[in-house]
Amino acid sequence: MNDNNKREKIKVSPPSGGGDLEGAKFRITPLNFATAFFLILAGYIFIYGAKITGSKYEHWSGTITLIFLLFAFVVSFLDLMLRNFFPKTKSLWIVELSFITLTAIIFLLVK
């Protein structure tokens, strides 16, 4: 037998630094889309403004922008929490789509 066949191959991995994203998983989820939607909407309202018909106070743009930024923060935090509870991407998608559907139904019922 050959000496090379008897030797075990040793895998040497490079040392991981502080900014190493080699092992990180980037998964696209429905709440990522919702967060992006809220951020884009906040930017659009901040740039172009918003008016509420019939209101005495006509400068609501900053307030509405802050509300949408808060929505984006809460949705992204919820996405991080759900990623920890559901490691499989398929189950994560089902749970997040169910959450978005339930939220939309409640919003329409309250409206």
PDB file of N, CA and C in Angstrom:
ATOM      1  N   MET A   1       0.819  -1.189   0.000  1.00  0.00           N
ATOM      2  CA  MET A   1       0.000   0.000   0.000  1.00  0.00           C
ATOM      3  C   MET A   1       0.856   1.242   0.000  1.00  0.00           C
ATOM      4  N   ASN A   2       0.262   2.220  -0.502  1.00  0.00           N
ATOM      5  CA  ASN A   2       0.937   3.502  -0.615  1.00  0.00           C
ATOM      6  C   ASN A   2       0.876   4.248   0.710  1.00  0.00           C
ATOM      7  N   ASP A   3       1.926   4.955   1.040  1.00  0.00           N
ATOM      8  CA  ASP A   3       1.961   5.737   2.270  1.00  0.00           C
ATOM      9  C   ASP A   3       0.953   6.889   2.234  1.00  0.00           C
ATOM     10  N   ASN A   4       0.720   7.404   1.045  1.00  0.00           N
ATOM     11  CA  ASN A   4      -0.199   8.541   0.922  1.00  0.00           C
ATOM     12  C   ASN A   4      -1.631   8.139   1.218  1.00  0.00           C
ATOM     13  N   ASN A   5      -2.007   6.902   0.932  1.00  0.00           N
ATOM     14  CA  ASN A   5      -3.371   6.457   1.190  1.00  0.00           C
ATOM     15  C   ASN A   5      -3.642   6.278   2.678  1.00  0.00           C
ATOM     16  N   LYS A   6      -2.597   5.953   3.436  1.00  0.00           N
ATOM     17  CA  LYS A   6      -2.764   5.719   4.859  1.00  0.00           C
ATOM     18  C   LYS A   6      -2.898   7.017   5.648  1.00  0.00           C
ATOM     19  N   ARG A   7      -2.316   8.059   5.138  1.00  0.00           N
ATOM     20  CA  ARG A   7      -2.343   9.331   5.862  1.00  0.00           C
ATOM     21  C   ARG A   7      -3.747   9.950   5.795  1.00  0.00           C
ATOM     22  N   GLU A   8      -4.120  10.536   6.880  1.00  0.00           N
ATOM     23  CA  GLU A   8      -5.393  11.236   6.920  1.00  0.00           C
ATOM     24  C   GLU A   8      -5.204  12.643   6.377  1.00  0.00           C
ATOM     25  N   LYS A   9      -6.168  13.046   5.632  1.00  0.00           N
ATOM     26  CA  LYS A   9      -6.112  14.404   5.117  1.00  0.00           C
ATOM     27  C   LYS A   9      -6.663  15.346   6.191  1.00  0.00           C
ATOM     28  N   ILE A  10      -5.897  16.334   6.487  1.00  0.00           N
ATOM     29  CA  ILE A  10      -6.284  17.302   7.502  1.00  0.00           C
ATOM     30  C   ILE A  10      -6.768  18.561   6.794  1.00  0.00           C
ATOM     31  N   LYS A  11      -7.996  18.946   7.128  1.00  0.00           N
ATOM     32  CA  LYS A  11      -8.539  20.167   6.554  1.00  0.00           C
ATOM     33  C   LYS A  11      -8.192  21.332   7.466  1.00  0.00           C
ATOM     34  N   VAL A  12      -7.589  22.328   6.882  1.00  0.00           N
ATOM     35  CA  VAL A  12      -7.231  23.524   7.635  1.00  0.00           C
ATOM     36  C   VAL A  12      -8.119  24.656   7.141  1.00  0.00           C
ATOM     37  N   SER A  13      -8.877  25.211   8.066  1.00  0.00           N
ATOM     38  CA  SER A  13      -9.738  26.332   7.688  1.00  0.00           C
ATOM     39  C   SER A  13      -9.050  27.637   8.060  1.00  0.00           C
ATOM     40  N   PRO A  14      -9.242  28.654   7.249  1.00  0.00           N
ATOM     41  CA  PRO A  14      -8.612  29.935   7.550  1.00  0.00           C
ATOM     42  C   PRO A  14      -9.239  30.545   8.799  1.00  0.00           C
ATOM     43  N   PRO A  15      -8.462  31.313   9.538  1.00  0.00           N
ATOM     44  CA  PRO A  15      -9.008  31.936  10.744  1.00  0.00           C
ATOM     45  C   PRO A  15     -10.105  32.925  10.370  1.00  0.00           C
ATOM     46  N   SER A  16     -11.162  32.918  11.162  1.00  0.00           N
ATOM     47  CA  SER A  16     -12.266  33.829  10.857  1.00  0.00           C
ATOM     48  C   SER A  16     -12.022  35.158  11.541  1.00  0.00           C
ATOM     49  N   GLY A  17     -12.159  36.190  10.764  1.00  0.00           N
ATOM     50  CA  GLY A  17     -11.973  37.536  11.282  1.00  0.00           C
ATOM     51  C   GLY A  17     -13.287  38.118  11.757  1.00  0.00           C
ATOM     52  N   GLY A  18     -13.272  39.373  12.142  1.00  0.00           N
ATOM     53  CA  GLY A  18     -14.466  40.022  12.655  1.00  0.00           C
ATOM     54  C   GLY A  18     -15.528  40.232  11.596  1.00  0.00           C
ATOM     55  N   GLY A  19     -15.124  40.549  10.361  1.00  0.00           N
ATOM     56  CA  GLY A  19     -16.100  40.845   9.328  1.00  0.00           C
ATOM     57  C   GLY A  19     -16.321  39.697   8.370  1.00  0.00           C
ATOM     58  N   ASP A  20     -16.032  38.482   8.787  1.00  0.00           N
ATOM     59  CA  ASP A  20     -16.144  37.331   7.903  1.00  0.00           C
ATOM     60  C   ASP A  20     -17.594  36.875   7.820  1.00  0.00           C
ATOM     61  N   LEU A  21     -18.167  36.896   6.633  1.00  0.00           N
ATOM     62  CA  LEU A  21     -19.541  36.467   6.430  1.00  0.00           C
ATOM     63  C   LEU A  21     -19.600  35.138   5.688  1.00  0.00           C
ATOM     64  N   GLU A  22     -18.549  34.355   5.807  1.00  0.00           N
ATOM     65  CA  GLU A  22     -18.438  33.122   5.040  1.00  0.00           C
ATOM     66  C   GLU A  22     -19.522  32.118   5.403  1.00  0.00           C
ATOM     67  N   GLY A  23     -19.846  31.976   6.681  1.00  0.00           N
ATOM     68  CA  GLY A  23     -20.813  30.981   7.110  1.00  0.00           C
ATOM     69  C   GLY A  23     -22.231  31.516   7.237  1.00  0.00           C
ATOM     70  N   ALA A  24     -22.442  32.793   6.962  1.00  0.00           N
ATOM     71  CA  ALA A  24     -23.765  33.395   7.127  1.00  0.00           C
ATOM     72  C   ALA A  24     -24.696  32.978   5.989  1.00  0.00           C
ATOM     73  N   LYS A  25     -25.961  32.736   6.352  1.00  0.00           N
ATOM     74  CA  LYS A  25     -26.962  32.388   5.352  1.00  0.00           C
ATOM     75  C   LYS A  25     -27.812  33.619   5.085  1.00  0.00           C
ATOM     76  N   PHE A  26     -27.936  33.971   3.835  1.00  0.00           N
ATOM     77  CA  PHE A  26     -28.784  35.086   3.453  1.00  0.00           C
ATOM     78  C   PHE A  26     -30.038  34.515   2.811  1.00  0.00           C
ATOM     79  N   ARG A  27     -31.150  34.599   3.532  1.00  0.00           N
ATOM     80  CA  ARG A  27     -32.407  34.057   3.043  1.00  0.00           C
ATOM     81  C   ARG A  27     -33.368  35.208   2.784  1.00  0.00           C
ATOM     82  N   ILE A  28     -34.008  35.147   1.643  1.00  0.00           N
ATOM     83  CA  ILE A  28     -35.022  36.139   1.309  1.00  0.00           C
ATOM     84  C   ILE A  28     -36.347  35.640   1.878  1.00  0.00           C
ATOM     85  N   THR A  29     -37.052  36.508   2.607  1.00  0.00           N
ATOM     86  CA  THR A  29     -38.316  36.145   3.220  1.00  0.00           C
ATOM     87  C   THR A  29     -39.361  37.222   2.918  1.00  0.00           C
ATOM     88  N   PRO A  30     -40.632  36.914   3.115  1.00  0.00           N
ATOM     89  CA  PRO A  30     -41.671  37.917   2.859  1.00  0.00           C
ATOM     90  C   PRO A  30     -41.546  39.163   3.730  1.00  0.00           C
ATOM     91  N   LEU A  31     -41.078  39.005   4.960  1.00  0.00           N
ATOM     92  CA  LEU A  31     -40.932  40.179   5.815  1.00  0.00           C
ATOM     93  C   LEU A  31     -39.769  41.061   5.367  1.00  0.00           C
ATOM     94  N   ASN A  32     -38.815  40.494   4.616  1.00  0.00           N
ATOM     95  CA  ASN A  32     -37.784  41.334   3.998  1.00  0.00           C
ATOM     96  C   ASN A  32     -38.417  42.280   2.981  1.00  0.00           C
ATOM     97  N   PHE A  33     -39.355  41.749   2.199  1.00  0.00           N
ATOM     98  CA  PHE A  33     -40.053  42.578   1.223  1.00  0.00           C
ATOM     99  C   PHE A  33     -40.896  43.644   1.923  1.00  0.00           C
ATOM    100  N   ALA A  34     -41.541  43.283   3.034  1.00  0.00           N
ATOM    101  CA  ALA A  34     -42.353  44.252   3.773  1.00  0.00           C
ATOM    102  C   ALA A  34     -41.483  45.358   4.356  1.00  0.00           C
ATOM    103  N   THR A  35     -40.315  45.001   4.878  1.00  0.00           N
ATOM    104  CA  THR A  35     -39.397  46.001   5.412  1.00  0.00           C
ATOM    105  C   THR A  35     -38.921  46.949   4.314  1.00  0.00           C
ATOM    106  N   ALA A  36     -38.569  46.389   3.174  1.00  0.00           N
ATOM    107  CA  ALA A  36     -38.142  47.228   2.050  1.00  0.00           C
ATOM    108  C   ALA A  36     -39.272  48.145   1.594  1.00  0.00           C
ATOM    109  N   PHE A  37     -40.503  47.623   1.569  1.00  0.00           N
ATOM    110  CA  PHE A  37     -41.656  48.433   1.180  1.00  0.00           C
ATOM    111  C   PHE A  37     -41.836  49.615   2.126  1.00  0.00           C
ATOM    112  N   PHE A  38     -41.754  49.371   3.442  1.00  0.00           N
ATOM    113  CA  PHE A  38     -41.925  50.451   4.411  1.00  0.00           C
ATOM    114  C   PHE A  38     -40.804  51.480   4.310  1.00  0.00           C
ATOM    115  N   LEU A  39     -39.577  51.028   4.066  1.00  0.00           N
ATOM    116  CA  LEU A  39     -38.464  51.974   3.933  1.00  0.00           C
ATOM    117  C   LEU A  39     -38.607  52.825   2.674  1.00  0.00           C
ATOM    118  N   ILE A  40     -39.019  52.212   1.572  1.00  0.00           N
ATOM    119  CA  ILE A  40     -39.220  52.960   0.329  1.00  0.00           C
ATOM    120  C   ILE A  40     -40.368  53.947   0.490  1.00  0.00           C
ATOM    121  N   LEU A  41     -41.447  53.521   1.147  1.00  0.00           N
ATOM    122  CA  LEU A  41     -42.586  54.399   1.371  1.00  0.00           C
ATOM    123  C   LEU A  41     -42.216  55.572   2.277  1.00  0.00           C
ATOM    124  N   ALA A  42     -41.424  55.302   3.307  1.00  0.00           N
ATOM    125  CA  ALA A  42     -40.976  56.381   4.196  1.00  0.00           C
ATOM    126  C   ALA A  42     -40.105  57.379   3.435  1.00  0.00           C
ATOM    127  N   GLY A  43     -39.211  56.879   2.598  1.00  0.00           N
ATOM    128  CA  GLY A  43     -38.373  57.778   1.798  1.00  0.00           C
ATOM    129  C   GLY A  43     -39.184  58.598   0.812  1.00  0.00           C
ATOM    130  N   TYR A  44     -40.171  57.977   0.184  1.00  0.00           N
ATOM    131  CA  TYR A  44     -41.020  58.684  -0.780  1.00  0.00           C
ATOM    132  C   TYR A  44     -41.814  59.795  -0.090  1.00  0.00           C
ATOM    133  N   ILE A  45     -42.394  59.485   1.071  1.00  0.00           N
ATOM    134  CA  ILE A  45     -43.165  60.488   1.800  1.00  0.00           C
ATOM    135  C   ILE A  45     -42.259  61.590   2.328  1.00  0.00           C
ATOM    136  N   PHE A  46     -41.056  61.245   2.744  1.00  0.00           N
ATOM    137  CA  PHE A  46     -40.121  62.261   3.232  1.00  0.00           C
ATOM    138  C   PHE A  46     -39.732  63.220   2.107  1.00  0.00           C
ATOM    139  N   ILE A  47     -39.532  62.692   0.910  1.00  0.00           N
ATOM    140  CA  ILE A  47     -39.102  63.537  -0.211  1.00  0.00           C
ATOM    141  C   ILE A  47     -40.272  64.327  -0.790  1.00  0.00           C
ATOM    142  N   TYR A  48     -41.384  63.670  -1.066  1.00  0.00           N
ATOM    143  CA  TYR A  48     -42.492  64.321  -1.766  1.00  0.00           C
ATOM    144  C   TYR A  48     -43.582  64.853  -0.843  1.00  0.00           C
ATOM    145  N   GLY A  49     -43.590  64.440   0.403  1.00  0.00           N
ATOM    146  CA  GLY A  49     -44.571  64.952   1.348  1.00  0.00           C
ATOM    147  C   GLY A  49     -45.888  64.200   1.298  1.00  0.00           C
ATOM    148  N   ALA A  50     -46.726  64.483   2.300  1.00  0.00           N
ATOM    149  CA  ALA A  50     -48.051  63.876   2.382  1.00  0.00           C
ATOM    150  C   ALA A  50     -49.000  64.906   2.963  1.00  0.00           C
ATOM    151  N   LYS A  51     -50.192  64.921   2.448  1.00  0.00           N
ATOM    152  CA  LYS A  51     -51.202  65.844   2.952  1.00  0.00           C
ATOM    153  C   LYS A  51     -52.424  65.041   3.371  1.00  0.00           C
ATOM    154  N   ILE A  52     -53.023  65.454   4.474  1.00  0.00           N
ATOM    155  CA  ILE A  52     -54.236  64.816   4.953  1.00  0.00           C
ATOM    156  C   ILE A  52     -55.372  65.789   4.693  1.00  0.00           C
ATOM    157  N   THR A  53     -56.345  65.368   3.925  1.00  0.00           N
ATOM    158  CA  THR A  53     -57.453  66.230   3.545  1.00  0.00           C
ATOM    159  C   THR A  53     -58.330  66.542   4.751  1.00  0.00           C
ATOM    160  N   GLY A  54     -58.667  67.806   4.917  1.00  0.00           N
ATOM    161  CA  GLY A  54     -59.559  68.229   5.994  1.00  0.00           C
ATOM    162  C   GLY A  54     -58.865  68.428   7.320  1.00  0.00           C
ATOM    163  N   SER A  55     -57.558  68.400   7.353  1.00  0.00           N
ATOM    164  CA  SER A  55     -56.828  68.589   8.602  1.00  0.00           C
ATOM    165  C   SER A  55     -56.350  70.030   8.713  1.00  0.00           C
ATOM    166  N   LYS A  56     -56.408  70.586   9.926  1.00  0.00           N
ATOM    167  CA  LYS A  56     -55.920  71.950  10.142  1.00  0.00           C
ATOM    168  C   LYS A  56     -54.392  71.984  10.027  1.00  0.00           C
ATOM    169  N   TYR A  57     -53.761  70.957  10.576  1.00  0.00           N
ATOM    170  CA  TYR A  57     -52.308  70.884  10.553  1.00  0.00           C
ATOM    171  C   TYR A  57     -51.881  70.181   9.273  1.00  0.00           C
ATOM    172  N   GLU A  58     -51.173  70.886   8.407  1.00  0.00           N
ATOM    173  CA  GLU A  58     -50.886  70.351   7.075  1.00  0.00           C
ATOM    174  C   GLU A  58     -49.484  69.765   6.921  1.00  0.00           C
ATOM    175  N   HIS A  59     -48.716  69.708   7.961  1.00  0.00           N
ATOM    176  CA  HIS A  59     -47.334  69.230   7.849  1.00  0.00           C
ATOM    177  C   HIS A  59     -47.199  67.863   8.538  1.00  0.00           C
ATOM    178  N   TRP A  60     -47.799  66.859   7.965  1.00  0.00           N
ATOM    179  CA  TRP A  60     -47.777  65.518   8.527  1.00  0.00           C
ATOM    180  C   TRP A  60     -46.665  64.649   7.945  1.00  0.00           C
ATOM    181  N   SER A  61     -45.885  65.154   7.029  1.00  0.00           N
ATOM    182  CA  SER A  61     -44.889  64.326   6.335  1.00  0.00           C
ATOM    183  C   SER A  61     -43.878  63.705   7.290  1.00  0.00           C
ATOM    184  N   GLY A  62     -43.346  64.486   8.189  1.00  0.00           N
ATOM    185  CA  GLY A  62     -42.347  63.972   9.129  1.00  0.00           C
ATOM    186  C   GLY A  62     -42.914  62.911  10.050  1.00  0.00           C
ATOM    187  N   THR A  63     -44.141  63.133  10.525  1.00  0.00           N
ATOM    188  CA  THR A  63     -44.777  62.172  11.428  1.00  0.00           C
ATOM    189  C   THR A  63     -45.057  60.856  10.714  1.00  0.00           C
ATOM    190  N   ILE A  64     -45.593  60.945   9.503  1.00  0.00           N
ATOM    191  CA  ILE A  64     -45.896  59.727   8.750  1.00  0.00           C
ATOM    192  C   ILE A  64     -44.613  58.992   8.375  1.00  0.00           C
ATOM    193  N   THR A  65     -43.566  59.741   8.052  1.00  0.00           N
ATOM    194  CA  THR A  65     -42.266  59.121   7.759  1.00  0.00           C
ATOM    195  C   THR A  65     -41.749  58.358   8.969  1.00  0.00           C
ATOM    196  N   LEU A  66     -41.829  58.963  10.147  1.00  0.00           N
ATOM    197  CA  LEU A  66     -41.364  58.284  11.360  1.00  0.00           C
ATOM    198  C   LEU A  66     -42.208  57.049  11.673  1.00  0.00           C
ATOM    199  N   ILE A  67     -43.499  57.118  11.408  1.00  0.00           N
ATOM    200  CA  ILE A  67     -44.361  55.956  11.642  1.00  0.00           C
ATOM    201  C   ILE A  67     -43.951  54.797  10.729  1.00  0.00           C
ATOM    202  N   PHE A  68     -43.693  55.088   9.442  1.00  0.00           N
ATOM    203  CA  PHE A  68     -43.287  54.018   8.531  1.00  0.00           C
ATOM    204  C   PHE A  68     -41.888  53.493   8.866  1.00  0.00           C
ATOM    205  N   LEU A  69     -41.000  54.340   9.361  1.00  0.00           N
ATOM    206  CA  LEU A  69     -39.686  53.857   9.805  1.00  0.00           C
ATOM    207  C   LEU A  69     -39.836  52.946  11.026  1.00  0.00           C
ATOM    208  N   LEU A  70     -40.768  53.294  11.919  1.00  0.00           N
ATOM    209  CA  LEU A  70     -41.039  52.426  13.069  1.00  0.00           C
ATOM    210  C   LEU A  70     -41.606  51.089  12.612  1.00  0.00           C
ATOM    211  N   PHE A  71     -42.531  51.117  11.641  1.00  0.00           N
ATOM    212  CA  PHE A  71     -43.064  49.873  11.088  1.00  0.00           C
ATOM    213  C   PHE A  71     -41.938  49.013  10.505  1.00  0.00           C
ATOM    214  N   ALA A  72     -41.031  49.636   9.762  1.00  0.00           N
ATOM    215  CA  ALA A  72     -39.926  48.894   9.154  1.00  0.00           C
ATOM    216  C   ALA A  72     -39.038  48.263  10.219  1.00  0.00           C
ATOM    217  N   PHE A  73     -38.769  49.003  11.294  1.00  0.00           N
ATOM    218  CA  PHE A  73     -37.938  48.470  12.376  1.00  0.00           C
ATOM    219  C   PHE A  73     -38.618  47.279  13.050  1.00  0.00           C
ATOM    220  N   VAL A  74     -39.912  47.406  13.346  1.00  0.00           N
ATOM    221  CA  VAL A  74     -40.645  46.329  14.022  1.00  0.00           C
ATOM    222  C   VAL A  74     -40.715  45.089  13.133  1.00  0.00           C
ATOM    223  N   VAL A  75     -40.969  45.276  11.844  1.00  0.00           N
ATOM    224  CA  VAL A  75     -41.074  44.137  10.927  1.00  0.00           C
ATOM    225  C   VAL A  75     -39.727  43.435  10.773  1.00  0.00           C
ATOM    226  N   SER A  76     -38.647  44.201  10.696  1.00  0.00           N
ATOM    227  CA  SER A  76     -37.321  43.565  10.569  1.00  0.00           C
ATOM    228  C   SER A  76     -36.946  42.824  11.856  1.00  0.00           C
ATOM    229  N   PHE A  77     -37.325  43.375  13.011  1.00  0.00           N
ATOM    230  CA  PHE A  77     -37.063  42.689  14.278  1.00  0.00           C
ATOM    231  C   PHE A  77     -37.873  41.398  14.365  1.00  0.00           C
ATOM    232  N   LEU A  78     -39.137  41.453  13.923  1.00  0.00           N
ATOM    233  CA  LEU A  78     -39.972  40.258  13.901  1.00  0.00           C
ATOM    234  C   LEU A  78     -39.393  39.204  12.961  1.00  0.00           C
ATOM    235  N   ASP A  79     -38.850  39.652  11.836  1.00  0.00           N
ATOM    236  CA  ASP A  79     -38.221  38.722  10.898  1.00  0.00           C
ATOM    237  C   ASP A  79     -37.037  38.022  11.551  1.00  0.00           C
ATOM    238  N   LEU A  80     -36.225  38.749  12.286  1.00  0.00           N
ATOM    239  CA  LEU A  80     -35.086  38.131  12.981  1.00  0.00           C
ATOM    240  C   LEU A  80     -35.550  37.114  14.028  1.00  0.00           C
ATOM    241  N   MET A  81     -36.617  37.442  14.746  1.00  0.00           N
ATOM    242  CA  MET A  81     -37.118  36.506  15.753  1.00  0.00           C
ATOM    243  C   MET A  81     -37.665  35.246  15.107  1.00  0.00           C
ATOM    244  N   LEU A  82     -38.428  35.392  14.027  1.00  0.00           N
ATOM    245  CA  LEU A  82     -39.001  34.219  13.377  1.00  0.00           C
ATOM    246  C   LEU A  82     -37.931  33.355  12.717  1.00  0.00           C
ATOM    247  N   ARG A  83     -36.841  33.964  12.265  1.00  0.00           N
ATOM    248  CA  ARG A  83     -35.742  33.175  11.689  1.00  0.00           C
ATOM    249  C   ARG A  83     -35.119  32.246  12.724  1.00  0.00           C
ATOM    250  N   ASN A  84     -35.086  32.689  13.979  1.00  0.00           N
ATOM    251  CA  ASN A  84     -34.526  31.842  15.031  1.00  0.00           C
ATOM    252  C   ASN A  84     -35.454  30.678  15.378  1.00  0.00           C
ATOM    253  N   PHE A  85     -36.769  30.890  15.286  1.00  0.00           N
ATOM    254  CA  PHE A  85     -37.721  29.840  15.634  1.00  0.00           C
ATOM    255  C   PHE A  85     -37.933  28.829  14.523  1.00  0.00           C
ATOM    256  N   PHE A  86     -37.782  29.259  13.266  1.00  0.00           N
ATOM    257  CA  PHE A  86     -38.036  28.374  12.128  1.00  0.00           C
ATOM    258  C   PHE A  86     -36.793  28.315  11.239  1.00  0.00           C
ATOM    259  N   PRO A  87     -35.931  27.331  11.455  1.00  0.00           N
ATOM    260  CA  PRO A  87     -34.679  27.273  10.683  1.00  0.00           C
ATOM    261  C   PRO A  87     -34.878  26.883   9.221  1.00  0.00           C
ATOM    262  N   LYS A  88     -35.965  26.159   8.906  1.00  0.00           N
ATOM    263  CA  LYS A  88     -36.202  25.766   7.518  1.00  0.00           C
ATOM    264  C   LYS A  88     -36.863  26.914   6.773  1.00  0.00           C
ATOM    265  N   THR A  89     -36.377  27.164   5.575  1.00  0.00           N
ATOM    266  CA  THR A  89     -36.870  28.298   4.800  1.00  0.00           C
ATOM    267  C   THR A  89     -38.335  28.118   4.411  1.00  0.00           C
ATOM    268  N   LYS A  90     -38.745  26.912   4.086  1.00  0.00           N
ATOM    269  CA  LYS A  90     -40.129  26.680   3.666  1.00  0.00           C
ATOM    270  C   LYS A  90     -41.106  26.983   4.798  1.00  0.00           C
ATOM    271  N   SER A  91     -40.818  26.502   5.988  1.00  0.00           N
ATOM    272  CA  SER A  91     -41.706  26.767   7.118  1.00  0.00           C
ATOM    273  C   SER A  91     -41.683  28.250   7.503  1.00  0.00           C
ATOM    274  N   LEU A  92     -40.534  28.892   7.347  1.00  0.00           N
ATOM    275  CA  LEU A  92     -40.430  30.324   7.627  1.00  0.00           C
ATOM    276  C   LEU A  92     -41.308  31.128   6.676  1.00  0.00           C
ATOM    277  N   TRP A  93     -41.289  30.763   5.393  1.00  0.00           N
ATOM    278  CA  TRP A  93     -42.136  31.438   4.407  1.00  0.00           C
ATOM    279  C   TRP A  93     -43.615  31.257   4.740  1.00  0.00           C
ATOM    280  N   ILE A  94     -44.012  30.044   5.127  1.00  0.00           N
ATOM    281  CA  ILE A  94     -45.416  29.778   5.448  1.00  0.00           C
ATOM    282  C   ILE A  94     -45.856  30.610   6.648  1.00  0.00           C
ATOM    283  N   VAL A  95     -45.035  30.655   7.681  1.00  0.00           N
ATOM    284  CA  VAL A  95     -45.381  31.407   8.890  1.00  0.00           C
ATOM    285  C   VAL A  95     -45.440  32.905   8.596  1.00  0.00           C
ATOM    286  N   GLU A  96     -44.464  33.422   7.857  1.00  0.00           N
ATOM    287  CA  GLU A  96     -44.440  34.857   7.584  1.00  0.00           C
ATOM    288  C   GLU A  96     -45.570  35.277   6.643  1.00  0.00           C
ATOM    289  N   LEU A  97     -45.884  34.456   5.655  1.00  0.00           N
ATOM    290  CA  LEU A  97     -47.022  34.781   4.784  1.00  0.00           C
ATOM    291  C   LEU A  97     -48.346  34.709   5.554  1.00  0.00           C
ATOM    292  N   SER A  98     -48.450  33.762   6.469  1.00  0.00           N
ATOM    293  CA  SER A  98     -49.648  33.687   7.314  1.00  0.00           C
ATOM    294  C   SER A  98     -49.764  34.924   8.197  1.00  0.00           C
ATOM    295  N   PHE A  99     -48.644  35.374   8.735  1.00  0.00           N
ATOM    296  CA  PHE A  99     -48.651  36.578   9.570  1.00  0.00           C
ATOM    297  C   PHE A  99     -49.071  37.806   8.761  1.00  0.00           C
ATOM    298  N   ILE A 100     -48.549  37.948   7.560  1.00  0.00           N
ATOM    299  CA  ILE A 100     -48.898  39.094   6.717  1.00  0.00           C
ATOM    300  C   ILE A 100     -50.379  39.036   6.347  1.00  0.00           C
ATOM    301  N   THR A 101     -50.889  37.853   6.010  1.00  0.00           N
ATOM    302  CA  THR A 101     -52.299  37.701   5.671  1.00  0.00           C
ATOM    303  C   THR A 101     -53.191  38.031   6.862  1.00  0.00           C
ATOM    304  N   LEU A 102     -52.843  37.525   8.031  1.00  0.00           N
ATOM    305  CA  LEU A 102     -53.624  37.801   9.232  1.00  0.00           C
ATOM    306  C   LEU A 102     -53.612  39.294   9.565  1.00  0.00           C
ATOM    307  N   THR A 103     -52.476  39.932   9.428  1.00  0.00           N
ATOM    308  CA  THR A 103     -52.375  41.369   9.687  1.00  0.00           C
ATOM    309  C   THR A 103     -53.229  42.162   8.703  1.00  0.00           C
ATOM    310  N   ALA A 104     -53.207  41.788   7.439  1.00  0.00           N
ATOM    311  CA  ALA A 104     -54.020  42.479   6.432  1.00  0.00           C
ATOM    312  C   ALA A 104     -55.512  42.297   6.708  1.00  0.00           C
ATOM    313  N   ILE A 105     -55.926  41.099   7.107  1.00  0.00           N
ATOM    314  CA  ILE A 105     -57.338  40.843   7.408  1.00  0.00           C
ATOM    315  C   ILE A 105     -57.785  41.667   8.619  1.00  0.00           C
ATOM    316  N   ILE A 106     -56.962  41.690   9.659  1.00  0.00           N
ATOM    317  CA  ILE A 106     -57.304  42.487  10.846  1.00  0.00           C
ATOM    318  C   ILE A 106     -57.369  43.970  10.487  1.00  0.00           C
ATOM    319  N   PHE A 107     -56.426  44.446   9.666  1.00  0.00           N
ATOM    320  CA  PHE A 107     -56.434  45.843   9.254  1.00  0.00           C
ATOM    321  C   PHE A 107     -57.723  46.182   8.504  1.00  0.00           C
ATOM    322  N   LEU A 108     -58.138  45.307   7.595  1.00  0.00           N
ATOM    323  CA  LEU A 108     -59.352  45.566   6.822  1.00  0.00           C
ATOM    324  C   LEU A 108     -60.605  45.484   7.696  1.00  0.00           C
ATOM    325  N   LEU A 109     -60.615  44.603   8.695  1.00  0.00           N
ATOM    326  CA  LEU A 109     -61.763  44.514   9.587  1.00  0.00           C
ATOM    327  C   LEU A 109     -61.881  45.749  10.486  1.00  0.00           C
ATOM    328  N   VAL A 110     -60.752  46.250  10.949  1.00  0.00           N
ATOM    329  CA  VAL A 110     -60.763  47.432  11.801  1.00  0.00           C
ATOM    330  C   VAL A 110     -61.120  48.679  11.005  1.00  0.00           C
ATOM    331  N   LYS A 111     -60.664  48.714   9.784  1.00  0.00           N
ATOM    332  CA  LYS A 111     -60.924  49.877   8.923  1.00  0.00           C
ATOM    333  C   LYS A 111     -62.399  49.998   8.639  1.00  0.00           C
TER     334      LYS A 111
END
